[in-house]
Amino acid sequence: MRTYLFLGLILSALFIFACSSTAGEPVQVDTVYSMEDASKLGIKNLMKNDFETDFSEATDAKWGFWKGREVAIIRYESVENARTFGKVIAEEQTELIEVVEKNTAHGPNVEKTKCRGDAYGGNPYILSPKYDIGFGEILTLNKSSFIESELDLEANSVRDGCVRREPMFIEFRIHGNLVIMIEPMPDEDRPAMNKVIDEIVAKLP
């Protein structure tokens, strides 16, 4: 009797350990989705916006808006291509690096970027204002009229409050033959972004 009880306890412990070790990990599927399937996810303007970059082996590369954030879908003919070519592309498009030159905080292959942070500290995902009087634009008084100085705002983006130009998309997931990339919202960490991806993929057939 004790032997059976002991074996039962061991099996229960192994089962709990197995479940806990896979908890929180995305479910891998081998489904091949069409762009018609992706168009039903509720991502606004998804079918209208294309990436400029020609991604290797991808059949479609589009982006749109989902609940206030940008979401991108890159589609491949097969699950295998998504897990190989797609993984490389997703890592390139979400590559976040330390600022080593000016305010560049993204890898060389990132197409879509966004200015995050501000010159005074704060949340790194807060979109900076375009203009910061006293930094981005200089106003001078000349014969009772204001003259706006000519500045290259692109080259002087640090002065208008942009301390880091980062990838638009920070988190991604490969689901079937689709690569899904999402933009972070303010105060949102990676676990929260993964929950958002869970919501998106749950709408797939």
Protein backbone atom coordinates (compact mmCIF):
# COMPACT_ATOMS: atom_id res chain seq x y z
CA MET A 1 0.00 0.00 0.00
CA ARG A 2 2.79 2.39 0.92
CA THR A 3 4.60 1.50 -2.31
CA TYR A 4 1.57 2.48 -4.42
CA LEU A 5 1.14 5.70 -2.46
CA PHE A 6 4.83 6.56 -2.94
CA LEU A 7 4.65 5.89 -6.69
CA GLY A 8 1.51 7.99 -6.92
CA LEU A 9 3.22 10.92 -5.24
CA ILE A 10 6.20 10.66 -7.60
CA LEU A 11 3.97 10.57 -10.69
CA SER A 12 1.98 13.55 -9.44
CA ALA A 13 5.17 15.54 -8.82
CA LEU A 14 6.47 14.72 -12.30
CA PHE A 15 3.18 15.79 -13.86
CA ILE A 16 3.16 19.11 -12.00
CA PHE A 17 6.80 19.76 -12.96
CA ALA A 18 6.08 19.03 -16.62
CA CYS A 19 3.12 21.38 -16.64
CA SER A 20 4.97 24.16 -14.87
CA SER A 21 7.97 23.91 -17.20
CA THR A 22 5.78 24.63 -20.25
CA ALA A 23 3.51 27.17 -18.60
CA GLY A 24 3.57 30.54 -20.29
CA GLU A 25 5.24 29.25 -23.46
CA PRO A 26 3.42 29.98 -26.74
CA VAL A 27 1.66 27.01 -28.29
CA GLN A 28 3.33 25.94 -31.53
CA VAL A 29 0.94 25.25 -34.40
CA ASP A 30 1.54 23.89 -37.89
CA THR A 31 -1.40 25.70 -39.47
CA VAL A 32 -0.85 27.51 -42.76
CA TYR A 33 -2.92 30.71 -42.75
CA SER A 34 -3.92 32.85 -45.71
CA MET A 35 -3.90 36.63 -45.79
CA GLU A 36 -7.69 36.40 -45.82
CA ASP A 37 -7.41 34.75 -42.38
CA ALA A 38 -5.09 37.54 -41.22
CA SER A 39 -7.47 40.20 -42.55
CA LYS A 40 -10.10 38.99 -40.08
CA LEU A 41 -7.95 39.76 -37.02
CA GLY A 42 -9.36 43.26 -36.72
CA ILE A 43 -6.08 45.00 -37.60
CA LYS A 44 -7.12 48.27 -39.25
CA ASN A 45 -5.72 49.02 -42.72
CA LEU A 46 -3.65 45.82 -42.65
CA MET A 47 -4.29 45.06 -46.31
CA LYS A 48 -3.41 48.64 -47.37
CA ASN A 49 0.01 49.08 -45.77
CA ASP A 50 3.04 47.24 -47.16
CA PHE A 51 6.61 47.19 -45.92
CA GLU A 52 9.10 48.72 -48.35
CA THR A 53 11.67 46.04 -47.57
CA ASP A 54 11.59 42.89 -49.70
CA PHE A 55 11.80 40.17 -47.06
CA SER A 56 13.38 36.93 -48.22
CA GLU A 57 10.83 34.18 -49.03
CA ALA A 58 7.92 36.18 -47.59
CA THR A 59 4.70 36.22 -49.62
CA ASP A 60 3.22 39.22 -47.78
CA ALA A 61 4.55 41.84 -45.35
CA LYS A 62 1.93 44.25 -44.05
CA TRP A 63 1.19 46.43 -41.05
CA GLY A 64 -1.83 48.13 -39.51
CA PHE A 65 -3.33 49.28 -36.22
CA TRP A 66 -4.83 47.21 -33.42
CA LYS A 67 -6.23 48.91 -30.32
CA GLY A 68 -3.97 51.94 -30.59
CA ARG A 69 -0.72 50.17 -31.51
CA GLU A 70 0.95 49.13 -34.74
CA VAL A 71 0.93 45.42 -35.56
CA ALA A 72 2.76 43.77 -38.45
CA ILE A 73 2.06 40.47 -40.19
CA ILE A 74 4.68 38.78 -42.36
CA ARG A 75 3.35 35.69 -44.13
CA TYR A 76 5.28 32.72 -45.54
CA GLU A 77 4.21 29.84 -47.77
CA SER A 78 5.10 27.29 -45.12
CA VAL A 79 5.55 26.98 -41.38
CA GLU A 80 9.15 25.90 -41.94
CA ASN A 81 9.93 29.11 -43.84
CA ALA A 82 8.34 31.18 -41.08
CA ARG A 83 10.44 29.44 -38.44
CA THR A 84 13.67 29.89 -40.41
CA PHE A 85 13.54 32.92 -42.72
CA GLY A 86 10.80 34.57 -40.66
CA LYS A 87 12.70 34.24 -37.40
CA VAL A 88 15.73 35.99 -38.90
CA ILE A 89 13.57 38.80 -40.31
CA ALA A 90 11.66 39.27 -37.05
CA GLU A 91 14.87 39.46 -35.03
CA GLU A 92 16.26 42.04 -37.48
CA GLN A 93 13.11 44.18 -37.41
CA THR A 94 12.93 44.19 -33.60
CA GLU A 95 16.67 44.60 -32.95
CA LEU A 96 17.09 47.03 -30.06
CA ILE A 97 20.66 48.16 -29.40
CA GLU A 98 22.42 50.57 -27.07
CA VAL A 99 22.87 54.10 -28.36
CA VAL A 100 26.39 54.34 -29.75
CA GLU A 101 25.93 57.10 -32.35
CA LYS A 102 23.62 60.09 -31.95
CA ASN A 103 20.25 58.68 -30.88
CA THR A 104 20.25 55.48 -32.94
CA ALA A 105 19.02 52.55 -30.85
CA HIS A 106 18.06 50.10 -33.58
CA GLY A 107 19.80 47.62 -35.81
CA PRO A 108 20.81 48.46 -39.42
CA ASN A 109 17.99 46.45 -41.03
CA VAL A 110 15.07 47.91 -39.07
CA GLU A 111 12.63 49.58 -41.48
CA LYS A 112 10.05 51.10 -39.14
CA THR A 113 11.35 53.14 -36.21
CA LYS A 114 9.87 55.38 -33.53
CA CYS A 115 11.24 58.05 -31.23
CA ARG A 116 10.88 56.98 -27.62
CA GLY A 117 11.93 58.57 -24.34
CA ASP A 118 12.60 62.18 -23.50
CA ALA A 119 15.63 64.28 -22.70
CA TYR A 120 14.66 64.52 -19.05
CA GLY A 121 14.27 60.84 -18.23
CA GLY A 122 11.01 58.97 -17.84
CA ASN A 123 9.40 56.02 -19.57
CA PRO A 124 11.41 54.93 -22.63
CA TYR A 125 8.23 54.09 -24.57
CA ILE A 126 6.60 57.52 -24.26
CA LEU A 127 6.45 59.25 -27.62
CA SER A 128 8.32 62.53 -27.40
CA PRO A 129 6.67 65.78 -28.50
CA LYS A 130 7.77 66.93 -31.92
CA TYR A 131 8.77 70.35 -30.66
CA ASP A 132 10.29 71.45 -27.41
CA ILE A 133 10.47 75.24 -27.23
CA GLY A 134 13.99 76.23 -26.31
CA PHE A 135 15.45 73.00 -27.70
CA GLY A 136 13.77 72.01 -30.96
CA GLU A 137 12.97 75.48 -32.23
CA ILE A 138 14.71 78.75 -31.45
CA LEU A 139 12.61 81.92 -31.66
CA THR A 140 14.36 85.26 -31.99
CA LEU A 141 12.92 88.75 -31.81
CA ASN A 142 13.77 90.85 -34.85
CA LYS A 143 12.04 94.21 -35.52
CA SER A 144 8.85 93.20 -33.66
CA SER A 145 8.44 89.92 -35.52
CA PHE A 146 9.32 86.34 -34.63
CA ILE A 147 11.65 84.58 -36.99
CA GLU A 148 11.88 80.81 -36.78
CA SER A 149 15.43 79.62 -37.24
CA GLU A 150 16.00 77.02 -39.87
CA LEU A 151 16.91 73.76 -38.20
CA ASP A 152 17.36 70.27 -39.51
CA LEU A 153 15.05 68.54 -37.03
CA GLU A 154 16.08 65.14 -38.32
CA ALA A 155 19.77 65.75 -37.62
CA ASN A 156 19.01 67.51 -34.34
CA SER A 157 16.40 65.06 -33.07
CA VAL A 158 18.15 64.78 -29.71
CA ARG A 159 17.57 68.49 -29.18
CA ASP A 160 13.83 68.21 -29.81
CA GLY A 161 13.45 65.59 -27.11
CA CYS A 162 14.18 62.33 -28.96
CA VAL A 163 16.96 60.56 -27.10
CA ARG A 164 16.43 57.13 -28.66
CA ARG A 165 15.12 56.17 -32.08
CA GLU A 166 14.13 52.53 -31.54
CA PRO A 167 12.43 49.81 -33.60
CA MET A 168 8.69 50.35 -33.96
CA PHE A 169 8.13 46.68 -33.15
CA ILE A 170 9.72 45.29 -30.00
CA GLU A 171 8.16 41.84 -29.56
CA PHE A 172 7.32 39.12 -32.10
CA ARG A 173 5.94 35.63 -32.34
CA ILE A 174 5.90 32.98 -35.04
CA HIS A 175 2.47 31.38 -35.21
CA GLY A 176 2.04 28.80 -37.94
CA ASN A 177 3.29 30.41 -41.15
CA LEU A 178 2.80 33.95 -39.78
CA VAL A 179 5.26 36.26 -38.08
CA ILE A 180 3.42 38.72 -35.82
CA MET A 181 5.25 41.81 -34.54
CA ILE A 182 3.76 44.40 -32.18
CA GLU A 183 4.52 47.89 -30.95
CA PRO A 184 4.71 48.44 -27.17
CA MET A 185 2.39 50.81 -25.38
CA PRO A 186 3.55 53.09 -22.51
CA ASP A 187 4.48 51.21 -19.31
CA GLU A 188 4.14 47.87 -21.09
CA ASP A 189 6.73 45.12 -20.56
CA ARG A 190 7.36 42.03 -22.68
CA PRO A 191 5.00 39.70 -20.71
CA ALA A 192 2.20 42.22 -21.28
CA MET A 193 3.03 42.37 -24.99
CA ASN A 194 2.92 38.59 -25.20
CA LYS A 195 -0.58 38.65 -23.72
CA VAL A 196 -1.57 41.02 -26.50
CA ILE A 197 -0.18 38.60 -29.08
CA ASP A 198 -2.20 35.86 -27.36
CA GLU A 199 -5.34 37.95 -27.93
CA ILE A 200 -4.47 38.42 -31.59
CA VAL A 201 -3.71 34.78 -32.41
CA ALA A 202 -6.83 33.65 -30.56
CA LYS A 203 -8.84 35.29 -33.35
CA LEU A 204 -7.24 33.11 -36.03
CA PRO A 205 -9.34 30.18 -37.29
